[in-house]
Amino acid sequence: SDVYKRQAWNDFGDATHRVRIHPTPDRRLGLIEGTAIFTDNSAGAAAVDWQLLLNHRDGSYRIRHAATGLCLGLADISTNTNTAVIGEAYTGMPHQSWFLDYVTPTKFRILNAYSGLALQSLGASSTLGTAMVVTTPSASKLQQWDT
């Protein structure tokens, strides 16, 4: 929230970032065959490099996969919990926009602008390969991301 950080257009720039959760083990946001999953840094740039591109109109972000150009979005444009998070061609629709809700000066929840739900692994699992979904925002460590 604004308590910790205000967004500036150049917070992330056009650079690539490896978005991860806390605490260990090493778990990164990855995109494999169009599905957002937990992976680790060993998957390499083709799986885990992202651009966080500010949408100036409302302060949300387009989370763009560097290797494919696909953006994170909600499958079926759903507002239901446990909706799968997928990579898809950017359309500018709100289900592809995400707010970074800072819970500490360096950690943030990733909230979908359309549903208000938070990015987290399915079933709150930290197992490699677990699919990403959206769920009710909470203080869960599996919702605390950084770059």
C-alpha atoms as a PDB file:
ATOM      1  CA  SER A   1       0.000   0.000   0.000  1.00  0.00           C
ATOM      2  CA  ASP A   2       1.005   3.661  -0.103  1.00  0.00           C
ATOM      3  CA  VAL A   3       2.381   3.339   3.417  1.00  0.00           C
ATOM      4  CA  TYR A   4       5.515   1.767   1.947  1.00  0.00           C
ATOM      5  CA  LYS A   5       5.875   2.923  -1.622  1.00  0.00           C
ATOM      6  CA  ARG A   6       4.422   5.159  -4.248  1.00  0.00           C
ATOM      7  CA  GLN A   7       4.747   3.993  -7.820  1.00  0.00           C
ATOM      8  CA  ALA A   8       6.811   5.954 -10.264  1.00  0.00           C
ATOM      9  CA  TRP A   9       6.858   5.348 -14.004  1.00  0.00           C
ATOM     10  CA  ASN A  10      10.498   4.286 -13.829  1.00  0.00           C
ATOM     11  CA  ASP A  11      10.372   2.000 -10.737  1.00  0.00           C
ATOM     12  CA  PHE A  12      11.012  -1.025 -12.943  1.00  0.00           C
ATOM     13  CA  GLY A  13      11.671   0.541 -16.357  1.00  0.00           C
ATOM     14  CA  ASP A  14      12.038  -1.807 -19.312  1.00  0.00           C
ATOM     15  CA  ALA A  15      14.514  -4.058 -17.487  1.00  0.00           C
ATOM     16  CA  THR A  16      13.755  -7.698 -16.824  1.00  0.00           C
ATOM     17  CA  HIS A  17      13.155  -8.992 -13.323  1.00  0.00           C
ATOM     18  CA  ARG A  18      12.917 -12.372 -11.667  1.00  0.00           C
ATOM     19  CA  VAL A  19       9.864 -12.189  -9.452  1.00  0.00           C
ATOM     20  CA  ARG A  20      10.126 -14.434  -6.385  1.00  0.00           C
ATOM     21  CA  ILE A  21       8.344 -15.237  -3.159  1.00  0.00           C
ATOM     22  CA  HIS A  22       9.694 -15.327   0.355  1.00  0.00           C
ATOM     23  CA  PRO A  23      10.972 -17.196   2.259  1.00  0.00           C
ATOM     24  CA  THR A  24      13.188 -19.922   0.861  1.00  0.00           C
ATOM     25  CA  PRO A  25      13.232 -22.284  -0.975  1.00  0.00           C
ATOM     26  CA  ASP A  26      13.895 -20.387  -4.187  1.00  0.00           C
ATOM     27  CA  ARG A  27      10.514 -20.026  -5.901  1.00  0.00           C
ATOM     28  CA  ARG A  28      10.108 -17.803  -8.952  1.00  0.00           C
ATOM     29  CA  LEU A  29       7.160 -16.820 -11.065  1.00  0.00           C
ATOM     30  CA  GLY A  30       7.632 -18.702 -14.311  1.00  0.00           C
ATOM     31  CA  LEU A  31       5.756 -19.205 -17.540  1.00  0.00           C
ATOM     32  CA  ILE A  32       5.854 -22.664 -19.098  1.00  0.00           C
ATOM     33  CA  GLU A  33       3.701 -23.474 -22.130  1.00  0.00           C
ATOM     34  CA  GLY A  34       1.400 -20.533 -21.413  1.00  0.00           C
ATOM     35  CA  THR A  35       0.746 -21.387 -17.768  1.00  0.00           C
ATOM     36  CA  ALA A  36       2.100 -19.350 -14.846  1.00  0.00           C
ATOM     37  CA  ILE A  37       3.821 -21.714 -12.404  1.00  0.00           C
ATOM     38  CA  PHE A  38       6.336 -21.876  -9.579  1.00  0.00           C
ATOM     39  CA  THR A  39       9.796 -22.603 -10.860  1.00  0.00           C
ATOM     40  CA  ASP A  40      13.253 -21.786  -9.576  1.00  0.00           C
ATOM     41  CA  ASN A  41      16.144 -19.742 -10.868  1.00  0.00           C
ATOM     42  CA  SER A  42      17.696 -22.808 -12.534  1.00  0.00           C
ATOM     43  CA  ALA A  43      14.891 -22.682 -15.148  1.00  0.00           C
ATOM     44  CA  GLY A  44      16.775 -19.784 -16.739  1.00  0.00           C
ATOM     45  CA  ALA A  45      15.835 -16.534 -18.384  1.00  0.00           C
ATOM     46  CA  ALA A  46      13.470 -18.101 -20.925  1.00  0.00           C
ATOM     47  CA  ALA A  47      11.164 -19.150 -18.085  1.00  0.00           C
ATOM     48  CA  VAL A  48      11.571 -16.561 -15.329  1.00  0.00           C
ATOM     49  CA  ASP A  49      12.412 -13.133 -16.797  1.00  0.00           C
ATOM     50  CA  TRP A  50       9.553 -10.608 -16.632  1.00  0.00           C
ATOM     51  CA  GLN A  51       8.987  -6.935 -17.366  1.00  0.00           C
ATOM     52  CA  LEU A  52       6.779  -4.971 -14.984  1.00  0.00           C
ATOM     53  CA  LEU A  53       5.389  -2.241 -17.201  1.00  0.00           C
ATOM     54  CA  LEU A  54       3.484   0.582 -15.522  1.00  0.00           C
ATOM     55  CA  ASN A  55       0.033   1.424 -16.892  1.00  0.00           C
ATOM     56  CA  HIS A  56       0.131   5.171 -16.398  1.00  0.00           C
ATOM     57  CA  ARG A  57      -3.669   5.511 -16.513  1.00  0.00           C
ATOM     58  CA  ASP A  58      -4.247   3.839 -13.139  1.00  0.00           C
ATOM     59  CA  GLY A  59      -0.921   2.775 -11.598  1.00  0.00           C
ATOM     60  CA  SER A  60      -1.429  -0.903 -12.382  1.00  0.00           C
ATOM     61  CA  TYR A  61       1.178  -3.021 -14.143  1.00  0.00           C
ATOM     62  CA  ARG A  62       1.244  -5.241 -17.196  1.00  0.00           C
ATOM     63  CA  ILE A  63       3.407  -8.225 -16.235  1.00  0.00           C
ATOM     64  CA  ARG A  64       5.044  -9.224 -19.517  1.00  0.00           C
ATOM     65  CA  HIS A  65       7.030 -12.411 -20.019  1.00  0.00           C
ATOM     66  CA  ALA A  66      10.289 -11.336 -21.664  1.00  0.00           C
ATOM     67  CA  ALA A  67      10.871 -14.443 -23.808  1.00  0.00           C
ATOM     68  CA  THR A  68       7.350 -14.809 -25.237  1.00  0.00           C
ATOM     69  CA  GLY A  69       5.879 -11.308 -24.954  1.00  0.00           C
ATOM     70  CA  LEU A  70       2.795 -12.814 -23.302  1.00  0.00           C
ATOM     71  CA  CYS A  71       1.187 -10.979 -20.385  1.00  0.00           C
ATOM     72  CA  LEU A  72      -0.274 -12.451 -17.226  1.00  0.00           C
ATOM     73  CA  GLY A  73      -4.038 -12.605 -17.295  1.00  0.00           C
ATOM     74  CA  LEU A  74      -6.934 -14.480 -15.760  1.00  0.00           C
ATOM     75  CA  ALA A  75      -8.167 -17.517 -17.650  1.00  0.00           C
ATOM     76  CA  ASP A  76     -11.731 -17.068 -18.888  1.00  0.00           C
ATOM     77  CA  ILE A  77     -11.644 -13.458 -17.598  1.00  0.00           C
ATOM     78  CA  SER A  78     -13.071 -14.816 -14.349  1.00  0.00           C
ATOM     79  CA  THR A  79     -13.356 -13.106 -10.965  1.00  0.00           C
ATOM     80  CA  ASN A  80     -13.560 -16.397  -9.053  1.00  0.00           C
ATOM     81  CA  THR A  81     -10.967 -17.593  -6.565  1.00  0.00           C
ATOM     82  CA  ASN A  82      -8.667 -20.325  -7.881  1.00  0.00           C
ATOM     83  CA  THR A  83      -8.918 -18.972 -11.428  1.00  0.00           C
ATOM     84  CA  ALA A  84      -5.802 -20.000 -13.343  1.00  0.00           C
ATOM     85  CA  VAL A  85      -3.256 -17.343 -14.270  1.00  0.00           C
ATOM     86  CA  ILE A  86      -2.045 -17.699 -17.832  1.00  0.00           C
ATOM     87  CA  GLY A  87       0.112 -15.956 -20.390  1.00  0.00           C
ATOM     88  CA  GLU A  88      -1.785 -14.388 -23.266  1.00  0.00           C
ATOM     89  CA  ALA A  89      -1.351 -11.752 -25.952  1.00  0.00           C
ATOM     90  CA  TYR A  90      -1.806  -8.272 -24.484  1.00  0.00           C
ATOM     91  CA  THR A  91      -5.204  -6.716 -25.176  1.00  0.00           C
ATOM     92  CA  GLY A  92      -5.331  -3.919 -22.611  1.00  0.00           C
ATOM     93  CA  MET A  93      -8.263  -5.557 -20.825  1.00  0.00           C
ATOM     94  CA  PRO A  94      -8.378  -5.133 -17.024  1.00  0.00           C
ATOM     95  CA  HIS A  95      -7.947  -8.860 -16.304  1.00  0.00           C
ATOM     96  CA  GLN A  96      -4.367  -8.393 -17.596  1.00  0.00           C
ATOM     97  CA  SER A  97      -3.553  -5.545 -15.191  1.00  0.00           C
ATOM     98  CA  TRP A  98      -2.031  -6.039 -11.756  1.00  0.00           C
ATOM     99  CA  PHE A  99      -1.458  -3.774  -8.775  1.00  0.00           C
ATOM    100  CA  LEU A 100       1.653  -4.156  -6.632  1.00  0.00           C
ATOM    101  CA  ASP A 101       0.364  -3.849  -3.080  1.00  0.00           C
ATOM    102  CA  TYR A 102       3.419  -3.264  -0.878  1.00  0.00           C
ATOM    103  CA  VAL A 103       3.190  -5.014   2.492  1.00  0.00           C
ATOM    104  CA  THR A 104       6.758  -4.059   3.499  1.00  0.00           C
ATOM    105  CA  PRO A 105       9.218  -1.678   1.839  1.00  0.00           C
ATOM    106  CA  THR A 106      10.457  -4.509  -0.422  1.00  0.00           C
ATOM    107  CA  LYS A 107       7.665  -7.120  -0.580  1.00  0.00           C
ATOM    108  CA  PHE A 108       4.380  -6.789  -2.410  1.00  0.00           C
ATOM    109  CA  ARG A 109       1.247  -8.736  -3.175  1.00  0.00           C
ATOM    110  CA  ILE A 110       0.324  -8.939  -6.840  1.00  0.00           C
ATOM    111  CA  LEU A 111      -3.396  -8.081  -7.052  1.00  0.00           C
ATOM    112  CA  ASN A 112      -5.419  -8.477 -10.195  1.00  0.00           C
ATOM    113  CA  ALA A 113      -7.028  -5.167 -11.170  1.00  0.00           C
ATOM    114  CA  TYR A 114     -10.182  -6.849 -12.481  1.00  0.00           C
ATOM    115  CA  SER A 115     -10.908  -9.307  -9.662  1.00  0.00           C
ATOM    116  CA  GLY A 116      -9.039  -7.771  -6.713  1.00  0.00           C
ATOM    117  CA  LEU A 117      -7.629 -11.239  -5.984  1.00  0.00           C
ATOM    118  CA  ALA A 118      -3.981 -12.017  -5.178  1.00  0.00           C
ATOM    119  CA  LEU A 119      -1.514 -14.110  -7.150  1.00  0.00           C
ATOM    120  CA  GLN A 120      -0.614 -17.295  -5.265  1.00  0.00           C
ATOM    121  CA  SER A 121       0.161 -20.931  -5.986  1.00  0.00           C
ATOM    122  CA  LEU A 122      -2.711 -23.397  -6.275  1.00  0.00           C
ATOM    123  CA  GLY A 123      -3.485 -24.957  -2.903  1.00  0.00           C
ATOM    124  CA  ALA A 124      -0.859 -22.736  -1.235  1.00  0.00           C
ATOM    125  CA  SER A 125       1.777 -25.242  -2.349  1.00  0.00           C
ATOM    126  CA  SER A 126       5.450 -24.318  -2.694  1.00  0.00           C
ATOM    127  CA  THR A 127       6.189 -27.356  -4.889  1.00  0.00           C
ATOM    128  CA  LEU A 128       8.006 -26.659  -8.159  1.00  0.00           C
ATOM    129  CA  GLY A 129       5.618 -26.779 -11.110  1.00  0.00           C
ATOM    130  CA  THR A 130       2.560 -25.733  -9.109  1.00  0.00           C
ATOM    131  CA  ALA A 131       0.206 -23.579 -11.165  1.00  0.00           C
ATOM    132  CA  MET A 132      -0.515 -19.983 -10.196  1.00  0.00           C
ATOM    133  CA  VAL A 133      -4.070 -18.910  -9.406  1.00  0.00           C
ATOM    134  CA  VAL A 134      -5.731 -15.903  -7.811  1.00  0.00           C
ATOM    135  CA  THR A 135      -7.157 -16.072  -4.325  1.00  0.00           C
ATOM    136  CA  THR A 136      -8.308 -13.842  -1.483  1.00  0.00           C
ATOM    137  CA  PRO A 137      -5.541 -11.419  -0.430  1.00  0.00           C
ATOM    138  CA  SER A 138      -3.959 -12.415   2.866  1.00  0.00           C
ATOM    139  CA  ALA A 139      -0.744 -12.169   4.875  1.00  0.00           C
ATOM    140  CA  SER A 140       0.425 -15.509   3.453  1.00  0.00           C
ATOM    141  CA  LYS A 141       4.155 -15.701   2.689  1.00  0.00           C
ATOM    142  CA  LEU A 142       3.097 -17.241  -0.653  1.00  0.00           C
ATOM    143  CA  GLN A 143       1.622 -13.853  -1.597  1.00  0.00           C
ATOM    144  CA  GLN A 144       4.726 -11.820  -0.709  1.00  0.00           C
ATOM    145  CA  TRP A 145       6.777 -11.204  -3.839  1.00  0.00           C
ATOM    146  CA  ASP A 146       9.835  -9.141  -4.701  1.00  0.00           C
ATOM    147  CA  THR A 147      12.222  -8.682  -7.610  1.00  0.00           C
END
